Amino acid sequence: MIDTSRTVAIDESSTAEPGDSVPGTSGRVPPPNGQCDPNYTPCVPIASDVDCAAGRGNGPSYVRGPVKVVGTDVYGLDHDGDGTGCDR
C-alpha cells in the first residue's frame, strides 16, 4: 500500500534550477514551461539556448549536470563528445 498522506512543500522562493535535485523529494525541478528537450536526460528545458550552469555561457537558460545526451546535442553541452554534458 502506498502512503499518500505525506506532503512535501517546496518553498516558492527556492533558487533551484531545472534539473536540480530537490531535498525531500525523489524528483527534479521541472522547467518553468513544463517542457523538456527529448535529446537529454534528465530534463533540459527547451529554450533558445541552454548552457551549463558552471560554464561561461550566456543562457538565457542553464542546466546543472551531468546530463546524458540521448539524441542530438542541440545546445552543445557535451564539449568532449563522451555522451555526457555539463560534467565538468
N, C-alpha and C. Protein backbone atom coordinates (compact mmCIF):
# COMPACT_ATOMS: atom_id res chain seq x y z
N MET A 1 0.84 -1.17 0.00
CA MET A 1 0.00 0.00 0.00
C MET A 1 0.89 1.24 0.00
N ILE A 2 0.54 2.21 -0.81
CA ILE A 2 1.29 3.46 -0.92
C ILE A 2 0.74 4.48 0.06
N ASP A 3 1.65 5.09 0.82
CA ASP A 3 1.27 6.13 1.78
C ASP A 3 1.13 7.45 1.04
N THR A 4 -0.11 7.92 0.88
CA THR A 4 -0.35 9.18 0.18
C THR A 4 -0.58 10.34 1.14
N SER A 5 -0.38 10.10 2.45
CA SER A 5 -0.63 11.15 3.43
C SER A 5 0.53 12.12 3.57
N ARG A 6 1.68 11.77 3.04
CA ARG A 6 2.87 12.62 3.18
C ARG A 6 2.86 13.69 2.10
N THR A 7 3.03 14.93 2.49
CA THR A 7 3.10 16.05 1.56
C THR A 7 4.42 16.75 1.75
N VAL A 8 5.07 17.07 0.66
CA VAL A 8 6.33 17.79 0.72
C VAL A 8 6.11 19.17 0.13
N ALA A 9 6.35 20.20 0.92
CA ALA A 9 6.19 21.57 0.44
C ALA A 9 7.53 22.07 -0.08
N ILE A 10 7.49 22.77 -1.18
CA ILE A 10 8.68 23.39 -1.75
C ILE A 10 8.50 24.88 -1.69
N ASP A 11 9.42 25.55 -1.04
CA ASP A 11 9.37 26.99 -0.90
C ASP A 11 9.46 27.64 -2.28
N GLU A 12 8.50 28.46 -2.64
CA GLU A 12 8.48 29.08 -3.96
C GLU A 12 9.62 30.06 -4.16
N SER A 13 10.29 30.46 -3.09
CA SER A 13 11.42 31.37 -3.23
C SER A 13 12.73 30.62 -3.44
N SER A 14 12.64 29.33 -3.65
CA SER A 14 13.83 28.49 -3.85
C SER A 14 14.62 28.96 -5.06
N THR A 15 15.93 28.75 -5.02
CA THR A 15 16.78 29.10 -6.14
C THR A 15 17.13 27.88 -6.98
N ALA A 16 16.42 26.79 -6.82
CA ALA A 16 16.70 25.58 -7.60
C ALA A 16 16.50 25.84 -9.08
N GLU A 17 17.34 25.24 -9.88
CA GLU A 17 17.27 25.36 -11.33
C GLU A 17 16.63 24.11 -11.91
N PRO A 18 16.04 24.18 -13.11
CA PRO A 18 15.51 22.98 -13.75
C PRO A 18 16.58 21.91 -13.82
N GLY A 19 16.22 20.71 -13.41
CA GLY A 19 17.17 19.61 -13.42
C GLY A 19 17.84 19.39 -12.08
N ASP A 20 17.74 20.35 -11.14
CA ASP A 20 18.34 20.20 -9.82
C ASP A 20 17.55 19.20 -8.99
N SER A 21 18.23 18.47 -8.13
CA SER A 21 17.56 17.63 -7.16
C SER A 21 16.93 18.51 -6.10
N VAL A 22 15.79 18.09 -5.60
CA VAL A 22 15.10 18.85 -4.56
C VAL A 22 15.13 18.02 -3.29
N PRO A 23 15.77 18.50 -2.21
CA PRO A 23 15.82 17.74 -0.97
C PRO A 23 14.43 17.37 -0.50
N GLY A 24 14.27 16.14 -0.04
CA GLY A 24 12.99 15.70 0.48
C GLY A 24 12.04 15.18 -0.58
N THR A 25 12.47 15.17 -1.83
CA THR A 25 11.64 14.63 -2.90
C THR A 25 12.47 13.65 -3.72
N SER A 26 11.80 12.87 -4.54
CA SER A 26 12.53 11.93 -5.39
C SER A 26 12.69 12.48 -6.79
N GLY A 27 12.18 13.67 -7.04
CA GLY A 27 12.21 14.21 -8.39
C GLY A 27 13.17 15.36 -8.55
N ARG A 28 13.07 15.99 -9.69
CA ARG A 28 13.88 17.16 -10.01
C ARG A 28 12.94 18.31 -10.31
N VAL A 29 13.46 19.51 -10.25
CA VAL A 29 12.65 20.69 -10.52
C VAL A 29 12.29 20.72 -12.00
N PRO A 30 11.00 20.76 -12.32
CA PRO A 30 10.62 20.81 -13.74
C PRO A 30 10.94 22.18 -14.32
N PRO A 31 11.17 22.25 -15.63
CA PRO A 31 11.42 23.55 -16.22
C PRO A 31 10.18 24.42 -16.12
N PRO A 32 10.34 25.74 -16.12
CA PRO A 32 9.20 26.64 -15.95
C PRO A 32 8.08 26.42 -16.96
N ASN A 33 8.42 26.10 -18.20
CA ASN A 33 7.38 25.92 -19.21
C ASN A 33 6.87 24.48 -19.26
N GLY A 34 7.43 23.60 -18.41
CA GLY A 34 6.96 22.22 -18.34
C GLY A 34 7.44 21.35 -19.48
N GLN A 35 8.31 21.84 -20.33
CA GLN A 35 8.77 21.08 -21.49
C GLN A 35 10.24 20.76 -21.36
N CYS A 36 10.58 19.50 -21.69
CA CYS A 36 11.96 19.04 -21.66
C CYS A 36 12.40 18.70 -23.08
N ASP A 37 13.64 19.02 -23.41
CA ASP A 37 14.18 18.66 -24.71
C ASP A 37 14.42 17.15 -24.72
N PRO A 38 13.85 16.43 -25.68
CA PRO A 38 13.97 14.96 -25.71
C PRO A 38 15.38 14.45 -26.02
N ASN A 39 16.32 15.34 -26.32
CA ASN A 39 17.68 14.93 -26.63
C ASN A 39 18.55 14.72 -25.40
N TYR A 40 18.00 15.01 -24.21
CA TYR A 40 18.79 14.94 -22.98
C TYR A 40 18.01 14.27 -21.86
N THR A 41 18.75 13.68 -20.93
CA THR A 41 18.16 13.16 -19.70
C THR A 41 19.16 13.37 -18.57
N PRO A 42 18.78 13.85 -17.39
CA PRO A 42 17.44 14.30 -17.04
C PRO A 42 17.06 15.56 -17.79
N CYS A 43 15.94 16.12 -17.43
CA CYS A 43 15.32 17.22 -18.15
C CYS A 43 16.25 18.41 -18.39
N VAL A 44 16.31 18.82 -19.64
CA VAL A 44 16.95 20.07 -20.05
C VAL A 44 15.82 20.89 -20.68
N PRO A 45 15.60 22.12 -20.22
CA PRO A 45 14.47 22.90 -20.73
C PRO A 45 14.62 23.23 -22.21
N ILE A 46 13.50 23.38 -22.87
CA ILE A 46 13.50 23.84 -24.26
C ILE A 46 13.57 25.36 -24.21
N ALA A 47 14.61 25.91 -24.83
CA ALA A 47 14.82 27.36 -24.82
C ALA A 47 15.59 27.75 -26.07
N SER A 48 15.74 29.04 -26.29
CA SER A 48 16.50 29.49 -27.45
C SER A 48 17.96 29.09 -27.32
N ASP A 49 18.47 28.99 -26.09
CA ASP A 49 19.82 28.49 -25.82
C ASP A 49 19.88 28.02 -24.38
N VAL A 50 20.60 26.93 -24.16
CA VAL A 50 20.80 26.39 -22.81
C VAL A 50 22.30 26.19 -22.64
N ASP A 51 22.82 26.64 -21.52
CA ASP A 51 24.24 26.48 -21.22
C ASP A 51 24.40 25.77 -19.87
N CYS A 52 25.58 25.20 -19.66
CA CYS A 52 25.90 24.58 -18.37
C CYS A 52 26.00 25.67 -17.31
N ALA A 53 25.40 25.44 -16.18
CA ALA A 53 25.38 26.45 -15.11
C ALA A 53 26.78 26.81 -14.64
N ALA A 54 27.71 25.88 -14.68
CA ALA A 54 29.06 26.15 -14.20
C ALA A 54 29.98 26.68 -15.30
N GLY A 55 29.44 26.85 -16.50
CA GLY A 55 30.27 27.29 -17.62
C GLY A 55 30.24 28.79 -17.83
N ARG A 56 30.68 29.19 -19.02
CA ARG A 56 30.77 30.61 -19.33
C ARG A 56 29.66 31.08 -20.29
N GLY A 57 28.68 30.23 -20.52
CA GLY A 57 27.62 30.57 -21.46
C GLY A 57 26.76 31.72 -20.99
N ASN A 58 26.02 32.30 -21.93
CA ASN A 58 25.20 33.47 -21.62
C ASN A 58 23.71 33.17 -21.59
N GLY A 59 23.35 31.87 -21.54
CA GLY A 59 21.93 31.49 -21.39
C GLY A 59 21.08 31.82 -22.60
N PRO A 60 19.84 32.03 -22.44
CA PRO A 60 19.11 32.50 -21.27
C PRO A 60 18.76 31.41 -20.26
N SER A 61 18.90 30.13 -20.61
CA SER A 61 18.60 29.05 -19.68
C SER A 61 19.87 28.30 -19.33
N TYR A 62 19.86 27.71 -18.14
CA TYR A 62 21.02 26.98 -17.65
C TYR A 62 20.58 25.63 -17.09
N VAL A 63 21.49 24.67 -17.12
CA VAL A 63 21.22 23.35 -16.55
C VAL A 63 22.45 22.92 -15.76
N ARG A 64 22.21 22.30 -14.62
CA ARG A 64 23.30 21.72 -13.84
C ARG A 64 23.43 20.28 -14.27
N GLY A 65 24.64 19.85 -14.49
CA GLY A 65 24.88 18.50 -14.97
C GLY A 65 25.29 17.56 -13.87
N PRO A 66 25.59 16.38 -14.25
CA PRO A 66 25.72 15.96 -15.64
C PRO A 66 24.37 15.63 -16.27
N VAL A 67 24.31 15.77 -17.59
CA VAL A 67 23.16 15.35 -18.36
C VAL A 67 23.64 14.41 -19.46
N LYS A 68 22.88 13.37 -19.72
CA LYS A 68 23.23 12.42 -20.76
C LYS A 68 22.60 12.87 -22.07
N VAL A 69 23.40 12.86 -23.13
CA VAL A 69 22.89 13.19 -24.46
C VAL A 69 22.33 11.90 -25.06
N VAL A 70 21.03 11.87 -25.32
CA VAL A 70 20.38 10.67 -25.85
C VAL A 70 19.91 10.87 -27.29
N GLY A 71 20.25 11.98 -27.87
CA GLY A 71 19.89 12.31 -29.24
C GLY A 71 20.94 13.22 -29.81
N THR A 72 20.51 14.30 -30.42
CA THR A 72 21.41 15.30 -30.97
C THR A 72 21.71 16.35 -29.90
N ASP A 73 22.96 16.70 -29.74
CA ASP A 73 23.37 17.68 -28.73
C ASP A 73 23.10 19.09 -29.27
N VAL A 74 21.82 19.46 -29.31
CA VAL A 74 21.40 20.72 -29.94
C VAL A 74 21.94 21.96 -29.23
N TYR A 75 22.25 21.86 -27.94
CA TYR A 75 22.75 23.01 -27.20
C TYR A 75 24.27 22.99 -27.02
N GLY A 76 24.94 21.96 -27.53
CA GLY A 76 26.39 21.87 -27.42
C GLY A 76 26.88 21.72 -25.99
N LEU A 77 26.16 20.95 -25.18
CA LEU A 77 26.51 20.77 -23.77
C LEU A 77 27.63 19.74 -23.58
N ASP A 78 27.80 18.84 -24.55
CA ASP A 78 28.80 17.77 -24.45
C ASP A 78 30.05 18.16 -25.23
N HIS A 79 30.86 19.02 -24.64
CA HIS A 79 32.03 19.57 -25.33
C HIS A 79 33.09 18.54 -25.68
N ASP A 80 33.22 17.47 -24.89
CA ASP A 80 34.26 16.47 -25.17
C ASP A 80 33.76 15.26 -25.93
N GLY A 81 32.47 15.24 -26.30
CA GLY A 81 31.92 14.17 -27.14
C GLY A 81 31.80 12.80 -26.48
N ASP A 82 31.78 12.76 -25.14
CA ASP A 82 31.69 11.47 -24.45
C ASP A 82 30.26 11.03 -24.15
N GLY A 83 29.27 11.80 -24.60
CA GLY A 83 27.87 11.45 -24.38
C GLY A 83 27.28 12.05 -23.12
N THR A 84 28.09 12.77 -22.35
CA THR A 84 27.62 13.40 -21.13
C THR A 84 27.95 14.89 -21.18
N GLY A 85 26.94 15.71 -20.96
CA GLY A 85 27.14 17.15 -20.98
C GLY A 85 27.20 17.74 -19.59
N CYS A 86 27.80 18.89 -19.48
CA CYS A 86 27.90 19.63 -18.21
C CYS A 86 28.49 18.77 -17.11
N ASP A 87 29.51 17.98 -17.46
CA ASP A 87 30.11 17.06 -16.49
C ASP A 87 31.43 17.56 -15.93
N ARG A 88 31.74 18.81 -16.10
CA ARG A 88 32.97 19.37 -15.53
C ARG A 88 32.66 20.44 -14.54
